[in-house]
């Protein structure tokens, strides 16, 4: 049995978030068993808060530093990382997640 793909999509801005969302949908459509996580920071956080996406919001993790800078709370089902996005991106890559900048 093969190990499922683990895809880490980094969205640093609004356009990147849009690409990450489409990539996530396409990846799950092409391989329903793959794990996909979108990590949004900087301008992508405001875009995620302002434009819900029913198929990818549950896969999206927000940088707490970006949220604090925006002075806005997260909304469900978006999730908040435990620490800075840069550390989450690095840790997940060491755990075998394939990094893709959207």
PDB file of N, CA and C in Angstrom:
ATOM      1  N   UNK A   1       0.845  -1.188   0.000  1.00  0.00           N
ATOM      2  CA  UNK A   1       0.000   0.000   0.000  1.00  0.00           C
ATOM      3  C   UNK A   1       0.890   1.252   0.000  1.00  0.00           C
ATOM      4  N   UNK A   2       0.575   2.202  -0.851  1.00  0.00           N
ATOM      5  CA  UNK A   2       1.379   3.416  -0.949  1.00  0.00           C
ATOM      6  C   UNK A   2       0.930   4.448   0.080  1.00  0.00           C
ATOM      7  N   UNK A   3       1.863   5.284   0.471  1.00  0.00           N
ATOM      8  CA  UNK A   3       1.559   6.362   1.400  1.00  0.00           C
ATOM      9  C   UNK A   3       0.818   7.455   0.647  1.00  0.00           C
ATOM     10  N   UNK A   4      -0.289   7.962   1.213  1.00  0.00           N
ATOM     11  CA  UNK A   4      -1.018   9.033   0.527  1.00  0.00           C
ATOM     12  C   UNK A   4      -0.150  10.286   0.372  1.00  0.00           C
ATOM     13  N   UNK A   5      -0.368  10.993  -0.703  1.00  0.00           N
ATOM     14  CA  UNK A   5       0.319  12.272  -0.912  1.00  0.00           C
ATOM     15  C   UNK A   5      -0.082  13.259   0.176  1.00  0.00           C
ATOM     16  N   UNK A   6       0.872  14.078   0.587  1.00  0.00           N
ATOM     17  CA  UNK A   6       0.616  15.160   1.530  1.00  0.00           C
ATOM     18  C   UNK A   6       1.070  16.446   0.849  1.00  0.00           C
ATOM     19  N   UNK A   7       0.102  17.276   0.474  1.00  0.00           N
ATOM     20  CA  UNK A   7       0.382  18.480  -0.303  1.00  0.00           C
ATOM     21  C   UNK A   7       0.179  19.708   0.575  1.00  0.00           C
ATOM     22  N   UNK A   8       1.215  20.524   0.667  1.00  0.00           N
ATOM     23  CA  UNK A   8       1.206  21.738   1.468  1.00  0.00           C
ATOM     24  C   UNK A   8       1.214  22.935   0.524  1.00  0.00           C
ATOM     25  N   UNK A   9       0.099  23.642   0.451  1.00  0.00           N
ATOM     26  CA  UNK A   9      -0.039  24.793  -0.440  1.00  0.00           C
ATOM     27  C   UNK A   9       0.138  26.079   0.368  1.00  0.00           C
ATOM     28  N   UNK A  10       1.132  26.868   0.020  1.00  0.00           N
ATOM     29  CA  UNK A  10       1.415  28.117   0.724  1.00  0.00           C
ATOM     30  C   UNK A  10       0.808  29.275  -0.060  1.00  0.00           C
ATOM     31  N   UNK A  11      -0.103  29.998   0.586  1.00  0.00           N
ATOM     32  CA  UNK A  11      -0.757  31.152  -0.029  1.00  0.00           C
ATOM     33  C   UNK A  11      -0.314  32.417   0.709  1.00  0.00           C
ATOM     34  N   UNK A  12       0.582  33.220   0.104  1.00  0.00           N
ATOM     35  CA  UNK A  12       1.051  34.435   0.758  1.00  0.00           C
ATOM     36  C   UNK A  12       0.270  35.702   0.384  1.00  0.00           C
ATOM     37  N   UNK A  13      -0.622  35.595  -0.586  1.00  0.00           N
ATOM     38  CA  UNK A  13      -1.400  36.763  -1.002  1.00  0.00           C
ATOM     39  C   UNK A  13      -2.740  36.297  -1.560  1.00  0.00           C
ATOM     40  N   UNK A  14      -3.606  37.250  -1.889  1.00  0.00           N
ATOM     41  CA  UNK A  14      -4.963  36.917  -2.340  1.00  0.00           C
ATOM     42  C   UNK A  14      -4.957  36.068  -3.606  1.00  0.00           C
ATOM     43  N   UNK A  15      -4.096  36.409  -4.546  1.00  0.00           N
ATOM     44  CA  UNK A  15      -4.027  35.630  -5.786  1.00  0.00           C
ATOM     45  C   UNK A  15      -3.513  34.224  -5.508  1.00  0.00           C
ATOM     46  N   UNK A  16      -2.554  34.120  -4.622  1.00  0.00           N
ATOM     47  CA  UNK A  16      -2.035  32.812  -4.232  1.00  0.00           C
ATOM     48  C   UNK A  16      -3.091  31.967  -3.543  1.00  0.00           C
ATOM     49  N   UNK A  17      -3.940  32.608  -2.736  1.00  0.00           N
ATOM     50  CA  UNK A  17      -5.024  31.869  -2.081  1.00  0.00           C
ATOM     51  C   UNK A  17      -5.988  31.315  -3.117  1.00  0.00           C
ATOM     52  N   UNK A  18      -6.319  32.115  -4.116  1.00  0.00           N
ATOM     53  CA  UNK A  18      -7.216  31.647  -5.174  1.00  0.00           C
ATOM     54  C   UNK A  18      -6.604  30.440  -5.897  1.00  0.00           C
ATOM     55  N   UNK A  19      -5.321  30.520  -6.214  1.00  0.00           N
ATOM     56  CA  UNK A  19      -4.650  29.388  -6.873  1.00  0.00           C
ATOM     57  C   UNK A  19      -4.591  28.175  -5.952  1.00  0.00           C
ATOM     58  N   UNK A  20      -4.291  28.396  -4.683  1.00  0.00           N
ATOM     59  CA  UNK A  20      -4.216  27.284  -3.728  1.00  0.00           C
ATOM     60  C   UNK A  20      -5.565  26.585  -3.607  1.00  0.00           C
ATOM     61  N   UNK A  21      -6.629  27.358  -3.573  1.00  0.00           N
ATOM     62  CA  UNK A  21      -7.965  26.755  -3.474  1.00  0.00           C
ATOM     63  C   UNK A  21      -8.269  25.885  -4.691  1.00  0.00           C
ATOM     64  N   UNK A  22      -7.957  26.386  -5.877  1.00  0.00           N
ATOM     65  CA  UNK A  22      -8.214  25.594  -7.084  1.00  0.00           C
ATOM     66  C   UNK A  22      -7.315  24.359  -7.126  1.00  0.00           C
ATOM     67  N   UNK A  23      -6.055  24.518  -6.730  1.00  0.00           N
ATOM     68  CA  UNK A  23      -5.148  23.375  -6.683  1.00  0.00           C
ATOM     69  C   UNK A  23      -5.641  22.326  -5.696  1.00  0.00           C
ATOM     70  N   UNK A  24      -6.144  22.758  -4.557  1.00  0.00           N
ATOM     71  CA  UNK A  24      -6.656  21.820  -3.555  1.00  0.00           C
ATOM     72  C   UNK A  24      -7.855  21.048  -4.096  1.00  0.00           C
ATOM     73  N   UNK A  25      -8.773  21.752  -4.729  1.00  0.00           N
ATOM     74  CA  UNK A  25      -9.950  21.093  -5.313  1.00  0.00           C
ATOM     75  C   UNK A  25      -9.517  20.095  -6.378  1.00  0.00           C
ATOM     76  N   UNK A  26      -8.610  20.503  -7.258  1.00  0.00           N
ATOM     77  CA  UNK A  26      -8.145  19.611  -8.325  1.00  0.00           C
ATOM     78  C   UNK A  26      -7.388  18.408  -7.773  1.00  0.00           C
ATOM     79  N   UNK A  27      -6.577  18.617  -6.749  1.00  0.00           N
ATOM     80  CA  UNK A  27      -5.827  17.506  -6.154  1.00  0.00           C
ATOM     81  C   UNK A  27      -6.772  16.491  -5.524  1.00  0.00           C
ATOM     82  N   UNK A  28      -7.761  16.972  -4.789  1.00  0.00           N
ATOM     83  CA  UNK A  28      -8.703  16.057  -4.125  1.00  0.00           C
ATOM     84  C   UNK A  28      -9.585  15.347  -5.148  1.00  0.00           C
ATOM     85  N   UNK A  29      -9.885  16.029  -6.240  1.00  0.00           N
ATOM     86  CA  UNK A  29     -10.663  15.402  -7.307  1.00  0.00           C
ATOM     87  C   UNK A  29      -9.838  14.307  -7.982  1.00  0.00           C
ATOM     88  N   UNK A  30      -8.563  14.589  -8.225  1.00  0.00           N
ATOM     89  CA  UNK A  30      -7.682  13.632  -8.891  1.00  0.00           C
ATOM     90  C   UNK A  30      -7.266  12.477  -8.000  1.00  0.00           C
ATOM     91  N   UNK A  31      -7.151  12.727  -6.697  1.00  0.00           N
ATOM     92  CA  UNK A  31      -6.753  11.700  -5.730  1.00  0.00           C
ATOM     93  C   UNK A  31      -7.481  11.967  -4.414  1.00  0.00           C
ATOM     94  N   UNK A  32      -8.663  11.364  -4.248  1.00  0.00           N
ATOM     95  CA  UNK A  32      -9.461  11.617  -3.043  1.00  0.00           C
ATOM     96  C   UNK A  32      -8.762  11.247  -1.734  1.00  0.00           C
ATOM     97  N   UNK A  33      -7.697  10.454  -1.817  1.00  0.00           N
ATOM     98  CA  UNK A  33      -7.002  10.024  -0.602  1.00  0.00           C
ATOM     99  C   UNK A  33      -5.854  10.947  -0.212  1.00  0.00           C
ATOM    100  N   UNK A  34      -5.529  11.923  -1.058  1.00  0.00           N
ATOM    101  CA  UNK A  34      -4.404  12.795  -0.722  1.00  0.00           C
ATOM    102  C   UNK A  34      -4.805  13.765   0.392  1.00  0.00           C
ATOM    103  N   UNK A  35      -3.821  14.116   1.200  1.00  0.00           N
ATOM    104  CA  UNK A  35      -4.020  15.115   2.247  1.00  0.00           C
ATOM    105  C   UNK A  35      -3.575  16.458   1.689  1.00  0.00           C
ATOM    106  N   UNK A  36      -4.412  17.464   1.878  1.00  0.00           N
ATOM    107  CA  UNK A  36      -4.093  18.802   1.382  1.00  0.00           C
ATOM    108  C   UNK A  36      -4.266  19.789   2.524  1.00  0.00           C
ATOM    109  N   UNK A  37      -3.297  20.665   2.658  1.00  0.00           N
ATOM    110  CA  UNK A  37      -3.391  21.729   3.649  1.00  0.00           C
ATOM    111  C   UNK A  37      -2.966  23.028   2.980  1.00  0.00           C
ATOM    112  N   UNK A  38      -3.782  24.057   3.167  1.00  0.00           N
ATOM    113  CA  UNK A  38      -3.450  25.400   2.688  1.00  0.00           C
ATOM    114  C   UNK A  38      -3.009  26.210   3.903  1.00  0.00           C
ATOM    115  N   UNK A  39      -1.838  26.802   3.812  1.00  0.00           N
ATOM    116  CA  UNK A  39      -1.391  27.709   4.868  1.00  0.00           C
ATOM    117  C   UNK A  39      -1.376  29.112   4.282  1.00  0.00           C
ATOM    118  N   UNK A  40      -2.179  29.979   4.897  1.00  0.00           N
ATOM    119  CA  UNK A  40      -2.309  31.357   4.432  1.00  0.00           C
ATOM    120  C   UNK A  40      -1.627  32.297   5.422  1.00  0.00           C
ATOM    121  N   UNK A  41      -0.854  33.217   4.883  1.00  0.00           N
ATOM    122  CA  UNK A  41      -0.285  34.270   5.718  1.00  0.00           C
ATOM    123  C   UNK A  41      -0.332  35.578   4.936  1.00  0.00           C
ATOM    124  N   UNK A  42       0.078  36.638   5.595  1.00  0.00           N
ATOM    125  CA  UNK A  42       0.108  37.968   4.993  1.00  0.00           C
ATOM    126  C   UNK A  42      -1.263  38.319   4.389  1.00  0.00           C
ATOM    127  N   UNK A  43      -1.286  38.834   3.170  1.00  0.00           N
ATOM    128  CA  UNK A  43      -2.534  39.302   2.553  1.00  0.00           C
ATOM    129  C   UNK A  43      -3.531  38.180   2.283  1.00  0.00           C
ATOM    130  N   UNK A  44      -3.076  36.950   2.230  1.00  0.00           N
ATOM    131  CA  UNK A  44      -3.998  35.832   1.984  1.00  0.00           C
ATOM    132  C   UNK A  44      -4.952  35.618   3.152  1.00  0.00           C
ATOM    133  N   UNK A  45      -4.559  36.037   4.347  1.00  0.00           N
ATOM    134  CA  UNK A  45      -5.426  35.848   5.510  1.00  0.00           C
ATOM    135  C   UNK A  45      -6.688  36.697   5.372  1.00  0.00           C
ATOM    136  N   UNK A  46      -6.541  37.960   5.026  1.00  0.00           N
ATOM    137  CA  UNK A  46      -7.715  38.819   4.828  1.00  0.00           C
ATOM    138  C   UNK A  46      -8.588  38.272   3.710  1.00  0.00           C
ATOM    139  N   UNK A  47      -7.978  37.800   2.647  1.00  0.00           N
ATOM    140  CA  UNK A  47      -8.746  37.232   1.533  1.00  0.00           C
ATOM    141  C   UNK A  47      -9.525  36.002   1.983  1.00  0.00           C
ATOM    142  N   UNK A  48      -8.912  35.161   2.797  1.00  0.00           N
ATOM    143  CA  UNK A  48      -9.603  33.962   3.288  1.00  0.00           C
ATOM    144  C   UNK A  48     -10.782  34.339   4.178  1.00  0.00           C
ATOM    145  N   UNK A  49     -10.605  35.357   5.001  1.00  0.00           N
ATOM    146  CA  UNK A  49     -11.689  35.795   5.882  1.00  0.00           C
ATOM    147  C   UNK A  49     -12.836  36.423   5.096  1.00  0.00           C
ATOM    148  N   UNK A  50     -12.497  37.137   4.028  1.00  0.00           N
ATOM    149  CA  UNK A  50     -13.496  37.893   3.272  1.00  0.00           C
ATOM    150  C   UNK A  50     -14.204  37.092   2.188  1.00  0.00           C
ATOM    151  N   UNK A  51     -13.630  35.975   1.775  1.00  0.00           N
ATOM    152  CA  UNK A  51     -14.230  35.220   0.666  1.00  0.00           C
ATOM    153  C   UNK A  51     -14.287  33.728   1.001  1.00  0.00           C
ATOM    154  N   UNK A  52     -15.372  33.302   1.634  1.00  0.00           N
ATOM    155  CA  UNK A  52     -15.514  31.888   1.995  1.00  0.00           C
ATOM    156  C   UNK A  52     -15.465  30.984   0.763  1.00  0.00           C
ATOM    157  N   UNK A  53     -14.944  29.780   0.970  1.00  0.00           N
ATOM    158  CA  UNK A  53     -14.883  28.776  -0.094  1.00  0.00           C
ATOM    159  C   UNK A  53     -15.298  27.450   0.523  1.00  0.00           C
ATOM    160  N   UNK A  54     -16.475  26.970   0.161  1.00  0.00           N
ATOM    161  CA  UNK A  54     -17.044  25.804   0.837  1.00  0.00           C
ATOM    162  C   UNK A  54     -16.200  24.546   0.736  1.00  0.00           C
ATOM    163  N   UNK A  55     -15.427  24.394  -0.319  1.00  0.00           N
ATOM    164  CA  UNK A  55     -14.662  23.159  -0.504  1.00  0.00           C
ATOM    165  C   UNK A  55     -13.277  23.191   0.137  1.00  0.00           C
ATOM    166  N   UNK A  56     -12.767  24.378   0.455  1.00  0.00           N
ATOM    167  CA  UNK A  56     -11.387  24.435   0.945  1.00  0.00           C
ATOM    168  C   UNK A  56     -11.202  25.127   2.290  1.00  0.00           C
ATOM    169  N   UNK A  57     -12.216  25.790   2.812  1.00  0.00           N
ATOM    170  CA  UNK A  57     -12.031  26.484   4.087  1.00  0.00           C
ATOM    171  C   UNK A  57     -11.599  25.534   5.203  1.00  0.00           C
ATOM    172  N   UNK A  58     -12.126  24.329   5.235  1.00  0.00           N
ATOM    173  CA  UNK A  58     -11.753  23.373   6.284  1.00  0.00           C
ATOM    174  C   UNK A  58     -10.311  22.889   6.133  1.00  0.00           C
ATOM    175  N   UNK A  59      -9.715  23.108   4.968  1.00  0.00           N
ATOM    176  CA  UNK A  59      -8.327  22.713   4.711  1.00  0.00           C
ATOM    177  C   UNK A  59      -7.358  23.869   4.947  1.00  0.00           C
ATOM    178  N   UNK A  60      -7.888  25.034   5.305  1.00  0.00           N
ATOM    179  CA  UNK A  60      -7.094  26.262   5.362  1.00  0.00           C
ATOM    180  C   UNK A  60      -6.725  26.629   6.793  1.00  0.00           C
ATOM    181  N   UNK A  61      -5.431  26.890   6.975  1.00  0.00           N
ATOM    182  CA  UNK A  61      -4.874  27.292   8.267  1.00  0.00           C
ATOM    183  C   UNK A  61      -4.322  28.708   8.131  1.00  0.00           C
ATOM    184  N   UNK A  62      -4.657  29.557   9.093  1.00  0.00           N
ATOM    185  CA  UNK A  62      -4.259  30.963   9.052  1.00  0.00           C
ATOM    186  C   UNK A  62      -3.112  31.241  10.016  1.00  0.00           C
ATOM    187  N   UNK A  63      -2.246  32.136   9.614  1.00  0.00           N
ATOM    188  CA  UNK A  63      -1.133  32.565  10.458  1.00  0.00           C
ATOM    189  C   UNK A  63      -1.673  33.468  11.577  1.00  0.00           C
ATOM    190  N   UNK A  64      -1.380  33.142  12.836  1.00  0.00           N
ATOM    191  CA  UNK A  64      -1.880  33.981  13.929  1.00  0.00           C
ATOM    192  C   UNK A  64      -1.259  35.378  13.934  1.00  0.00           C
ATOM    193  N   UNK A  65      -0.042  35.507  13.438  1.00  0.00           N
ATOM    194  CA  UNK A  65       0.586  36.830  13.372  1.00  0.00           C
ATOM    195  C   UNK A  65      -0.147  37.728  12.385  1.00  0.00           C
ATOM    196  N   UNK A  66      -0.547  37.158  11.251  1.00  0.00           N
ATOM    197  CA  UNK A  66      -1.290  37.934  10.255  1.00  0.00           C
ATOM    198  C   UNK A  66      -2.664  38.314  10.792  1.00  0.00           C
ATOM    199  N   UNK A  67      -3.307  37.395  11.506  1.00  0.00           N
ATOM    200  CA  UNK A  67      -4.605  37.708  12.123  1.00  0.00           C
ATOM    201  C   UNK A  67      -4.459  38.853  13.124  1.00  0.00           C
ATOM    202  N   UNK A  68      -3.423  38.794  13.950  1.00  0.00           N
ATOM    203  CA  UNK A  68      -3.202  39.841  14.948  1.00  0.00           C
ATOM    204  C   UNK A  68      -2.943  41.188  14.280  1.00  0.00           C
ATOM    205  N   UNK A  69      -2.178  41.170  13.207  1.00  0.00           N
ATOM    206  CA  UNK A  69      -1.891  42.413  12.495  1.00  0.00           C
ATOM    207  C   UNK A  69      -3.169  43.007  11.900  1.00  0.00           C
ATOM    208  N   UNK A  70      -4.056  42.129  11.439  1.00  0.00           N
ATOM    209  CA  UNK A  70      -5.334  42.580  10.883  1.00  0.00           C
ATOM    210  C   UNK A  70      -6.334  42.953  11.974  1.00  0.00           C
ATOM    211  N   UNK A  71      -6.073  42.504  13.194  1.00  0.00           N
ATOM    212  CA  UNK A  71      -6.985  42.693  14.326  1.00  0.00           C
ATOM    213  C   UNK A  71      -8.364  42.119  14.017  1.00  0.00           C
ATOM    214  N   UNK A  72      -8.327  40.874  13.479  1.00  0.00           N
ATOM    215  CA  UNK A  72      -9.573  40.188  13.131  1.00  0.00           C
ATOM    216  C   UNK A  72      -9.528  38.768  13.667  1.00  0.00           C
ATOM    217  N   UNK A  73     -10.694  38.244  14.043  1.00  0.00           N
ATOM    218  CA  UNK A  73     -10.741  36.845  14.475  1.00  0.00           C
ATOM    219  C   UNK A  73     -10.922  35.924  13.274  1.00  0.00           C
ATOM    220  N   UNK A  74     -10.564  34.675  13.457  1.00  0.00           N
ATOM    221  CA  UNK A  74     -10.824  33.669  12.419  1.00  0.00           C
ATOM    222  C   UNK A  74     -12.306  33.322  12.448  1.00  0.00           C
ATOM    223  N   UNK A  75     -12.790  32.776  11.367  1.00  0.00           N
ATOM    224  CA  UNK A  75     -14.169  32.291  11.312  1.00  0.00           C
ATOM    225  C   UNK A  75     -14.111  30.809  10.969  1.00  0.00           C
ATOM    226  N   UNK A  76     -15.101  30.090  11.468  1.00  0.00           N
ATOM    227  CA  UNK A  76     -15.171  28.648  11.180  1.00  0.00           C
ATOM    228  C   UNK A  76     -15.571  28.471   9.721  1.00  0.00           C
ATOM    229  N   UNK A  77     -15.074  27.441   9.071  1.00  0.00           N
ATOM    230  CA  UNK A  77     -14.219  26.361   9.565  1.00  0.00           C
ATOM    231  C   UNK A  77     -12.720  26.618   9.389  1.00  0.00           C
ATOM    232  N   UNK A  78     -12.319  27.868   9.095  1.00  0.00           N
ATOM    233  CA  UNK A  78     -10.895  28.183   9.003  1.00  0.00           C
ATOM    234  C   UNK A  78     -10.230  27.868  10.336  1.00  0.00           C
ATOM    235  N   UNK A  79      -8.987  27.424  10.286  1.00  0.00           N
ATOM    236  CA  UNK A  79      -8.260  27.067  11.494  1.00  0.00           C
ATOM    237  C   UNK A  79      -7.063  27.997  11.657  1.00  0.00           C
ATOM    238  N   UNK A  80      -6.615  28.148  12.899  1.00  0.00           N
ATOM    239  CA  UNK A  80      -5.487  29.028  13.195  1.00  0.00           C
ATOM    240  C   UNK A  80      -4.292  28.171  13.610  1.00  0.00           C
ATOM    241  N   UNK A  81      -3.144  28.464  13.026  1.00  0.00           N
ATOM    242  CA  UNK A  81      -1.912  27.763  13.378  1.00  0.00           C
ATOM    243  C   UNK A  81      -1.522  28.064  14.825  1.00  0.00           C
ATOM    244  N   UNK A  82      -0.758  27.170  15.429  1.00  0.00           N
ATOM    245  CA  UNK A  82      -0.284  27.367  16.801  1.00  0.00           C
ATOM    246  C   UNK A  82       0.803  28.435  16.893  1.00  0.00           C
ATOM    247  N   UNK A  83       1.481  28.687  15.800  1.00  0.00           N
ATOM    248  CA  UNK A  83       2.565  29.663  15.791  1.00  0.00           C
ATOM    249  C   UNK A  83       2.710  30.253  14.407  1.00  0.00           C
ATOM    250  N   UNK A  84       3.786  30.979  14.168  1.00  0.00           N
ATOM    251  CA  UNK A  84       3.987  31.638  12.873  1.00  0.00           C
ATOM    252  C   UNK A  84       3.923  30.666  11.696  1.00  0.00           C
ATOM    253  N   UNK A  85       3.390  31.143  10.595  1.00  0.00           N
ATOM    254  CA  UNK A  85       3.254  30.309   9.394  1.00  0.00           C
ATOM    255  C   UNK A  85       4.603  29.781   8.927  1.00  0.00           C
ATOM    256  N   UNK A  86       5.648  30.571   9.037  1.00  0.00           N
ATOM    257  CA  UNK A  86       6.967  30.140   8.572  1.00  0.00           C
ATOM    258  C   UNK A  86       7.422  28.881   9.294  1.00  0.00           C
ATOM    259  N   UNK A  87       7.142  28.786  10.588  1.00  0.00           N
ATOM    260  CA  UNK A  87       7.534  27.592  11.342  1.00  0.00           C
ATOM    261  C   UNK A  87       6.683  26.394  10.947  1.00  0.00           C
ATOM    262  N   UNK A  88       5.392  26.603  10.743  1.00  0.00           N
ATOM    263  CA  UNK A  88       4.518  25.503  10.314  1.00  0.00           C
ATOM    264  C   UNK A  88       4.942  24.987   8.949  1.00  0.00           C
ATOM    265  N   UNK A  89       5.273  25.891   8.040  1.00  0.00           N
ATOM    266  CA  UNK A  89       5.715  25.478   6.707  1.00  0.00           C
ATOM    267  C   UNK A  89       6.984  24.628   6.790  1.00  0.00           C
ATOM    268  N   UNK A  90       7.918  25.052   7.610  1.00  0.00           N
ATOM    269  CA  UNK A  90       9.174  24.308   7.752  1.00  0.00           C
ATOM    270  C   UNK A  90       8.944  22.955   8.422  1.00  0.00           C
ATOM    271  N   UNK A  91       8.147  22.933   9.483  1.00  0.00           N
ATOM    272  CA  UNK A  91       7.899  21.675  10.206  1.00  0.00           C
ATOM    273  C   UNK A  91       7.191  20.651   9.333  1.00  0.00           C
ATOM    274  N   UNK A  92       6.171  21.095   8.630  1.00  0.00           N
ATOM    275  CA  UNK A  92       5.425  20.151   7.792  1.00  0.00           C
ATOM    276  C   UNK A  92       6.304  19.569   6.691  1.00  0.00           C
ATOM    277  N   UNK A  93       7.209  20.367   6.161  1.00  0.00           N
ATOM    278  CA  UNK A  93       8.125  19.833   5.146  1.00  0.00           C
ATOM    279  C   UNK A  93       9.046  18.773   5.740  1.00  0.00           C
ATOM    280  N   UNK A  94       9.478  18.958   6.981  1.00  0.00           N
ATOM    281  CA  UNK A  94      10.327  17.936   7.603  1.00  0.00           C
ATOM    282  C   UNK A  94       9.538  16.667   7.895  1.00  0.00           C
ATOM    283  N   UNK A  95       8.205  16.788   7.946  1.00  0.00           N
ATOM    284  CA  UNK A  95       7.341  15.625   8.176  1.00  0.00           C
ATOM    285  C   UNK A  95       6.918  14.953   6.870  1.00  0.00           C
ATOM    286  N   UNK A  96       7.447  15.433   5.747  1.00  0.00           N
ATOM    287  CA  UNK A  96       7.175  14.774   4.475  1.00  0.00           C
ATOM    288  C   UNK A  96       6.129  15.430   3.594  1.00  0.00           C
ATOM    289  N   UNK A  97       5.599  16.566   4.001  1.00  0.00           N
ATOM    290  CA  UNK A  97       4.633  17.270   3.164  1.00  0.00           C
ATOM    291  C   UNK A  97       5.363  17.914   1.990  1.00  0.00           C
ATOM    292  N   UNK A  98       4.776  17.847   0.804  1.00  0.00           N
ATOM    293  CA  UNK A  98       5.340  18.454  -0.406  1.00  0.00           C
ATOM    294  C   UNK A  98       4.903  19.918  -0.471  1.00  0.00           C
ATOM    295  N   UNK A  99       5.869  20.837  -0.419  1.00  0.00           N
ATOM    296  CA  UNK A  99       5.600  22.270  -0.417  1.00  0.00           C
ATOM    297  C   UNK A  99       5.388  22.783  -1.835  1.00  0.00           C
ATOM    298  N   UNK A 100       4.302  23.536  -2.006  1.00  0.00           N
ATOM    299  CA  UNK A 100       4.027  24.202  -3.278  1.00  0.00           C
ATOM    300  C   UNK A 100       3.593  25.629  -2.953  1.00  0.00           C
ATOM    301  N   UNK A 101       4.306  26.601  -3.500  1.00  0.00           N
ATOM    302  CA  UNK A 101       3.895  27.995  -3.312  1.00  0.00           C
ATOM    303  C   UNK A 101       2.858  28.306  -4.375  1.00  0.00           C
ATOM    304  N   UNK A 102       1.700  28.711  -3.921  1.00  0.00           N
ATOM    305  CA  UNK A 102       0.597  28.974  -4.853  1.00  0.00           C
ATOM    306  C   UNK A 102       0.669  30.394  -5.378  1.00  0.00           C
TER     307      UNK A 102
END
